[in-house]
Protein backbone atom coordinates (compact mmCIF):
# COMPACT_ATOMS: atom_id res chain seq x y z
CA MET A 1 -24.36 8.81 -5.59
CA PRO A 2 -22.52 11.19 -7.87
CA TRP A 3 -18.93 12.15 -7.55
CA LYS A 4 -18.35 15.34 -5.48
CA ASP A 5 -15.41 17.63 -5.94
CA PHE A 6 -12.79 17.55 -3.14
CA TYR A 7 -15.08 15.20 -1.02
CA THR A 8 -13.74 11.75 -2.08
CA THR A 9 -11.00 10.26 -4.26
CA SER A 10 -13.52 7.91 -6.05
CA ASN A 11 -16.58 8.30 -8.06
CA GLU A 12 -18.57 6.75 -5.14
CA ILE A 13 -20.06 3.97 -7.29
CA GLY A 14 -18.16 1.08 -5.56
CA MET A 15 -18.08 -2.49 -6.61
CA ARG A 16 -21.12 -4.23 -5.21
CA ASP A 17 -20.77 -7.67 -3.37
CA GLY A 18 -21.13 -10.46 -5.96
CA GLU A 19 -19.89 -8.27 -8.80
CA THR A 20 -16.15 -8.67 -8.09
CA ARG A 21 -14.42 -11.29 -10.45
CA TRP A 22 -10.93 -12.72 -9.74
CA PRO A 23 -8.89 -14.92 -12.04
CA GLN A 24 -9.91 -18.52 -12.48
CA GLY A 25 -13.03 -17.89 -10.36
CA ARG A 26 -11.17 -17.41 -7.22
CA GLN A 27 -13.07 -16.27 -4.08
CA MET A 28 -10.82 -13.35 -2.92
CA ALA A 29 -7.60 -11.52 -3.71
CA MET A 30 -4.98 -10.89 -0.95
CA GLY A 31 -2.53 -7.99 -1.38
CA LEU A 32 0.39 -8.20 1.06
CA THR A 33 2.30 -5.01 1.35
CA VAL A 34 5.74 -4.95 3.00
CA ASN A 35 6.87 -1.47 4.05
CA LEU A 36 10.52 -0.87 3.79
CA ASN A 37 10.53 2.70 4.87
CA PRO A 38 12.22 3.52 8.34
CA ALA A 39 11.45 7.28 8.27
CA ALA A 40 10.26 8.52 11.64
CA GLY A 41 9.08 11.90 10.33
CA PRO A 42 7.53 13.67 7.26
CA LYS A 43 10.85 14.77 5.80
CA GLY A 44 11.76 11.20 5.09
CA ILE A 45 14.71 8.99 5.90
CA SER A 46 17.59 10.36 7.99
CA ALA A 47 20.90 8.78 8.97
CA LYS A 48 19.42 8.43 12.43
CA ASP A 49 16.57 6.30 10.99
CA LEU A 50 19.08 4.02 9.26
CA ALA A 51 21.16 3.68 12.45
CA TYR A 52 18.42 2.00 14.57
CA PRO A 53 19.28 -1.49 15.49
CA THR A 54 15.60 -2.46 14.83
CA TRP A 55 16.12 -1.30 11.13
CA HIS A 56 19.28 -3.50 10.81
CA PHE A 57 17.47 -6.36 12.15
CA GLY A 58 14.54 -5.87 9.88
CA MET A 59 16.58 -5.66 6.71
CA ASN A 60 18.56 -8.88 7.58
CA GLU A 61 16.96 -11.49 9.93
CA GLY A 62 13.48 -10.06 9.67
CA LEU A 63 13.50 -9.91 5.78
CA ASP A 64 15.00 -13.31 5.59
CA ALA A 65 12.11 -14.72 7.72
CA PHE A 66 9.52 -12.86 5.70
CA LEU A 67 10.91 -14.22 2.39
CA GLY A 68 11.08 -17.84 3.84
CA LEU A 69 7.55 -17.68 5.07
CA PHE A 70 6.17 -16.14 1.76
CA ARG A 71 7.97 -18.93 -0.14
CA ASP A 72 6.71 -21.81 2.03
CA LEU A 73 3.06 -20.50 1.73
CA GLY A 74 3.24 -19.48 -2.01
CA VAL A 75 2.47 -15.81 -1.29
CA ARG A 76 3.80 -13.07 -3.57
CA ALA A 77 4.17 -9.78 -1.92
CA THR A 78 4.66 -6.12 -2.97
CA PHE A 79 7.65 -4.38 -1.24
CA ALA A 80 7.04 -0.51 -1.02
CA VAL A 81 10.50 0.88 -1.01
CA PRO A 82 11.91 4.48 -0.92
CA ALA A 83 14.47 4.88 -3.70
CA VAL A 84 17.30 5.62 -1.33
CA VAL A 85 16.74 2.21 0.39
CA ALA A 86 16.58 0.38 -2.81
CA GLU A 87 19.99 1.88 -3.81
CA THR A 88 21.51 1.33 -0.55
CA TYR A 89 20.52 -2.27 -0.14
CA ARG A 90 20.89 -3.52 -3.66
CA GLU A 91 21.58 -7.16 -2.52
CA ARG A 92 18.38 -7.28 -0.49
CA MET A 93 16.47 -5.96 -3.46
CA SER A 94 17.97 -8.71 -5.56
CA ALA A 95 16.85 -11.25 -3.00
CA ILE A 96 13.26 -9.92 -3.02
CA LEU A 97 13.04 -9.93 -6.81
CA ASP A 98 14.65 -13.40 -7.15
CA ALA A 99 11.90 -14.73 -4.86
CA GLY A 100 9.28 -13.48 -7.38
CA HIS A 101 7.98 -10.46 -5.36
CA GLU A 102 7.41 -6.87 -6.66
CA ILE A 103 9.21 -3.81 -5.69
CA ALA A 104 7.14 -0.55 -5.90
CA GLY A 105 8.18 3.04 -5.27
CA GLN A 106 7.61 4.97 -1.95
CA GLY A 107 9.10 8.32 -2.61
CA LEU A 108 12.83 9.32 -2.92
CA TYR A 109 13.48 9.29 0.88
CA GLY A 110 9.86 8.20 1.96
CA GLU A 111 9.13 11.87 2.46
CA ASP A 112 5.85 13.74 2.68
CA PRO A 113 5.63 15.93 -0.43
CA ALA A 114 3.84 18.63 1.59
CA THR A 115 7.23 19.43 3.14
CA LEU A 116 8.88 20.07 -0.23
CA GLU A 117 9.08 23.30 -2.12
CA PRO A 118 6.64 23.98 -5.15
CA GLY A 119 7.80 21.55 -7.87
CA GLY A 120 9.64 19.41 -5.51
CA GLU A 121 7.20 16.43 -5.55
CA ALA A 122 7.58 16.09 -9.41
CA ALA A 123 11.40 16.27 -9.16
CA HIS A 124 11.63 13.79 -6.36
CA MET A 125 9.22 11.39 -8.10
CA ALA A 126 11.15 11.63 -11.22
CA ARG A 127 14.36 10.90 -9.40
CA ALA A 128 12.90 8.14 -7.47
CA THR A 129 11.61 6.55 -10.49
CA GLU A 130 14.91 6.75 -12.25
CA VAL A 131 16.78 5.21 -9.23
CA LEU A 132 14.30 2.31 -8.85
CA GLU A 133 14.41 1.55 -12.58
CA HIS A 134 18.15 1.38 -12.40
CA VAL A 135 18.17 -0.93 -9.41
CA ILE A 136 15.38 -3.40 -10.35
CA GLY A 137 16.02 -3.32 -14.09
CA ALA A 138 12.56 -2.18 -15.06
CA ALA A 139 10.09 0.76 -14.53
CA PRO A 140 8.13 0.21 -11.22
CA TRP A 141 4.35 -0.28 -11.73
CA GLY A 142 3.10 0.85 -8.40
CA TRP A 143 3.71 3.81 -5.91
CA TYR A 144 2.85 4.01 -2.28
CA ALA A 145 2.55 6.98 0.22
CA LEU A 146 2.06 4.81 3.41
CA SER A 147 1.24 6.41 6.75
CA ARG A 148 3.66 7.18 9.49
CA PRO A 149 3.28 6.78 13.21
CA ASP A 150 3.18 10.66 13.40
CA ASP A 151 0.49 10.95 10.75
CA GLN A 152 -2.33 12.16 13.01
CA ALA A 153 -5.10 11.30 10.32
CA ALA A 154 -3.20 8.10 9.44
CA THR A 155 -4.20 8.64 5.68
CA GLY A 156 -0.72 9.01 4.16
CA CYS A 157 0.42 12.04 2.07
CA ALA A 158 -0.94 11.46 -1.35
CA THR A 159 -2.91 14.20 -3.25
CA ASN A 160 -4.70 14.62 -6.47
CA ASP A 161 -1.37 16.16 -7.63
CA THR A 162 0.39 13.09 -6.60
CA ILE A 163 -2.00 11.05 -8.65
CA SER A 164 -1.59 13.29 -11.68
CA LEU A 165 2.19 13.11 -11.53
CA LEU A 166 2.02 9.25 -11.35
CA LYS A 167 -0.04 9.23 -14.43
CA ALA A 168 2.50 11.36 -16.13
CA GLN A 169 5.38 9.17 -15.03
CA GLY A 170 3.58 6.07 -16.40
CA TYR A 171 2.75 4.40 -13.17
CA THR A 172 -0.02 1.76 -13.44
CA TYR A 173 -1.48 1.98 -9.85
CA PHE A 174 -1.31 3.67 -6.51
CA GLY A 175 -1.04 1.33 -3.65
CA ASN A 176 -2.87 2.70 -0.59
CA GLY A 177 -6.16 4.30 -0.94
CA LEU A 178 -8.85 4.68 1.63
CA ALA A 179 -12.05 5.28 -0.44
CA ASP A 180 -13.10 1.64 -0.88
CA ASP A 181 -12.34 -1.97 0.31
CA ALA A 182 -12.03 -3.12 -3.38
CA PRO A 183 -9.72 -1.63 -5.98
CA TYR A 184 -11.07 1.63 -7.45
CA TRP A 185 -10.32 4.45 -9.73
CA TRP A 186 -8.86 7.53 -7.87
CA VAL A 187 -10.18 10.45 -9.76
CA SER A 188 -7.75 13.34 -9.67
CA ASP A 189 -9.40 15.53 -12.30
CA ALA A 190 -13.06 15.04 -12.94
CA GLY A 191 -13.31 17.38 -15.86
CA LYS A 192 -10.67 15.49 -17.84
CA ALA A 193 -11.89 12.06 -16.40
CA GLU A 194 -8.31 11.64 -15.17
CA ALA A 195 -7.96 8.61 -12.85
CA LEU A 196 -5.53 6.04 -11.53
CA LEU A 197 -6.19 2.67 -10.36
CA THR A 198 -6.02 2.45 -6.61
CA LEU A 199 -5.57 -0.55 -4.25
CA PRO A 200 -7.20 -0.49 -0.86
CA TYR A 201 -5.29 0.13 2.38
CA TYR A 202 -6.62 0.70 5.98
CA TYR A 203 -4.32 1.66 8.92
CA HIS A 204 -6.17 -0.76 11.28
CA LEU A 205 -4.45 -3.44 9.29
CA ASP A 206 -0.97 -1.97 9.30
CA ASP A 207 1.50 -3.08 11.97
CA CYS A 208 3.13 0.43 11.93
CA PHE A 209 0.32 1.63 14.35
CA PHE A 210 0.49 -1.46 16.64
CA LEU A 211 4.05 -2.55 17.02
CA MET A 212 6.10 0.39 17.90
CA PHE A 213 7.63 -0.81 21.24
CA PRO A 214 9.22 -4.21 22.10
CA ARG A 215 6.77 -5.40 24.74
CA GLU A 216 3.10 -5.08 25.66
CA GLY A 217 1.93 -2.65 28.35
CA THR A 218 3.74 0.31 26.85
CA GLY A 219 0.65 1.72 25.27
CA LEU A 220 1.91 1.28 21.75
CA GLU A 221 2.50 -2.35 21.64
CA ARG A 222 -0.85 -4.10 20.77
CA PRO A 223 -0.06 -7.32 18.82
CA ALA A 224 -3.25 -9.02 20.08
CA ALA A 225 -5.38 -6.22 18.73
CA LEU A 226 -3.61 -6.29 15.42
CA LEU A 227 -4.11 -10.00 15.15
CA ARG A 228 -7.85 -9.62 15.97
CA ASN A 229 -8.11 -6.96 13.30
CA TRP A 230 -6.43 -9.22 10.62
CA ARG A 231 -8.53 -12.14 11.36
CA ALA A 232 -11.87 -10.19 11.48
CA GLU A 233 -11.16 -8.35 8.32
CA PHE A 234 -10.09 -11.57 6.41
CA LYS A 235 -13.30 -13.27 7.56
CA ALA A 236 -15.37 -10.38 6.20
CA GLN A 237 -13.59 -9.92 3.04
CA TYR A 238 -13.49 -13.61 2.26
CA ARG A 239 -17.25 -14.01 2.76
CA ARG A 240 -17.92 -11.02 0.56
CA GLY A 241 -15.39 -12.07 -2.13
CA ARG A 242 -13.48 -8.80 -2.06
CA TYR A 243 -9.99 -7.77 -1.27
CA PHE A 244 -7.82 -8.22 1.83
CA ASN A 245 -4.70 -6.26 2.47
CA LEU A 246 -2.03 -6.48 5.19
CA CYS A 247 0.73 -3.95 5.61
CA VAL A 248 3.81 -5.20 7.52
CA SER A 249 7.37 -4.25 8.15
CA PRO A 250 10.15 -6.82 8.87
CA ALA A 251 11.54 -4.32 11.42
CA ARG A 252 8.26 -4.72 13.37
CA SER A 253 6.62 -8.04 12.49
CA GLY A 254 9.92 -9.88 11.95
CA TRP A 255 10.39 -10.31 15.77
CA GLY A 256 9.56 -13.57 17.67
CA HIS A 257 5.86 -13.55 18.67
CA ARG A 258 4.95 -10.81 16.22
CA PHE A 259 6.31 -12.95 13.41
CA GLU A 260 4.42 -15.86 14.78
CA ASN A 261 1.17 -13.77 14.66
CA LEU A 262 1.79 -12.84 10.86
CA ALA A 263 2.73 -16.46 10.03
CA ALA A 264 -0.41 -17.77 11.81
CA VAL A 265 -2.69 -15.29 10.00
CA LEU A 266 -0.98 -16.06 6.53
CA ARG A 267 -1.36 -19.87 7.08
CA GLU A 268 -5.09 -19.43 8.04
CA VAL A 269 -5.62 -17.32 4.89
CA MET A 270 -3.85 -19.59 2.42
CA GLY A 271 -5.54 -22.55 3.98
CA HIS A 272 -8.85 -21.34 2.59
CA PRO A 273 -9.97 -22.37 -1.08
CA GLY A 274 -9.87 -19.74 -3.73
CA ILE A 275 -7.37 -17.28 -2.39
CA TRP A 276 -5.34 -15.23 -4.94
CA ALA A 277 -2.21 -14.08 -3.23
CA ALA A 278 -0.77 -11.71 -5.83
CA THR A 279 1.43 -8.68 -6.16
CA GLY A 280 0.03 -5.23 -6.55
CA ALA A 281 0.98 -5.23 -10.21
CA GLU A 282 -0.80 -8.39 -10.86
CA ILE A 283 -3.85 -7.30 -9.05
CA ALA A 284 -3.87 -3.99 -10.92
CA ALA A 285 -3.40 -5.68 -14.31
CA HIS A 286 -6.30 -7.83 -13.69
CA TRP A 287 -8.60 -5.10 -12.48
CA GLU A 288 -7.80 -2.76 -15.34
CA ALA A 289 -8.45 -5.52 -17.86
CA THR A 290 -11.69 -6.59 -16.13
CA TYR A 291 -12.98 -3.10 -15.11
CA PRO A 292 -11.46 -0.53 -17.46
CA ALA A 293 -11.91 3.02 -16.45
CA ALA A 294 -13.39 3.75 -19.85
CA GLU A 295 -16.39 1.43 -19.16
CA THR A 296 -16.72 1.51 -15.31
CA LEU A 297 -15.77 5.03 -14.13
CA LYS A 298 -19.17 6.84 -14.02
CA LEU A 299 -18.65 10.40 -13.41
CA ALA A 300 -21.64 12.52 -12.65
CA PRO A 301 -21.72 16.29 -12.41
CA SER A 302 -21.03 17.44 -8.84
CA ILE A 303 -24.07 18.24 -6.65
CA TRP A 304 -21.98 19.85 -3.98
CA LYS A 305 -22.74 23.41 -3.25
CA ASP A 306 -21.12 25.71 -0.73
CA TYR A 307 -23.40 28.21 1.12
CA ALA A 308 -22.28 31.36 3.00
CA ASP A 309 -22.29 29.73 6.39
CA SER A 310 -20.75 26.36 5.01
CA LEU A 311 -17.99 24.95 7.09
CA SER A 312 -16.31 23.57 3.80
């Protein structure tokens, strides 16, 4: 099916089952994203967000529990971090890097660029990149625009403009795309064949939407549902040999029974043969080398046509 303007972020020619190849013949890749953005609203992190006791717990006890679990299981994760968090919690960033994990960008304040003045997204991205490079000692490879609980469509805040800016800034991949369940090329300008490698994300596998309150029965505390989603998705993706992503926050999944759920799923996953638990940068590097855009991105002329009574 040909690519259609403004209809999807991909060329709609997805990787078929059986065509996906992972390093050393492994069966499946797992991308574990750790979200370190406490922002409650689209304008990004506020002083109030950083004052919540749950946030302090997440950046201390919760993060320590995560790092210990990942170490014990041999899992390498990608931490999606707003620049202001990276700069404020430098010691925590060092602990993440020393454990072999990746730190990727997630805005200057974890903000929605739609709230910024014209040109603001470029300025914020440039400043965030500068701060992250200074904190982690190298330019970040990846960038995330993860959803927030108040995001009605639960799709995050990235646009084609975001992707174009990321290309210009030298980023290798975008970390949360919804157009496929295997890595794909986000086409930001079909005429120029401009595209950026994108890793899959799905909000049904993100603890942000399931663990908002401390106990069940409050309507927005559904750890059992999240656990079912994780297990069902892993089973399907493992059978197909594709890509499995979880998105978690230590401020949510770092607590008692929630942490036990995460630990149980990761132990089950890593107990299967042929699991490649890699960082976003590692997965992106493999995909770009194996399925380069110049060879695999097949852009066809748009067949989309608007009519006088079209709702589009």
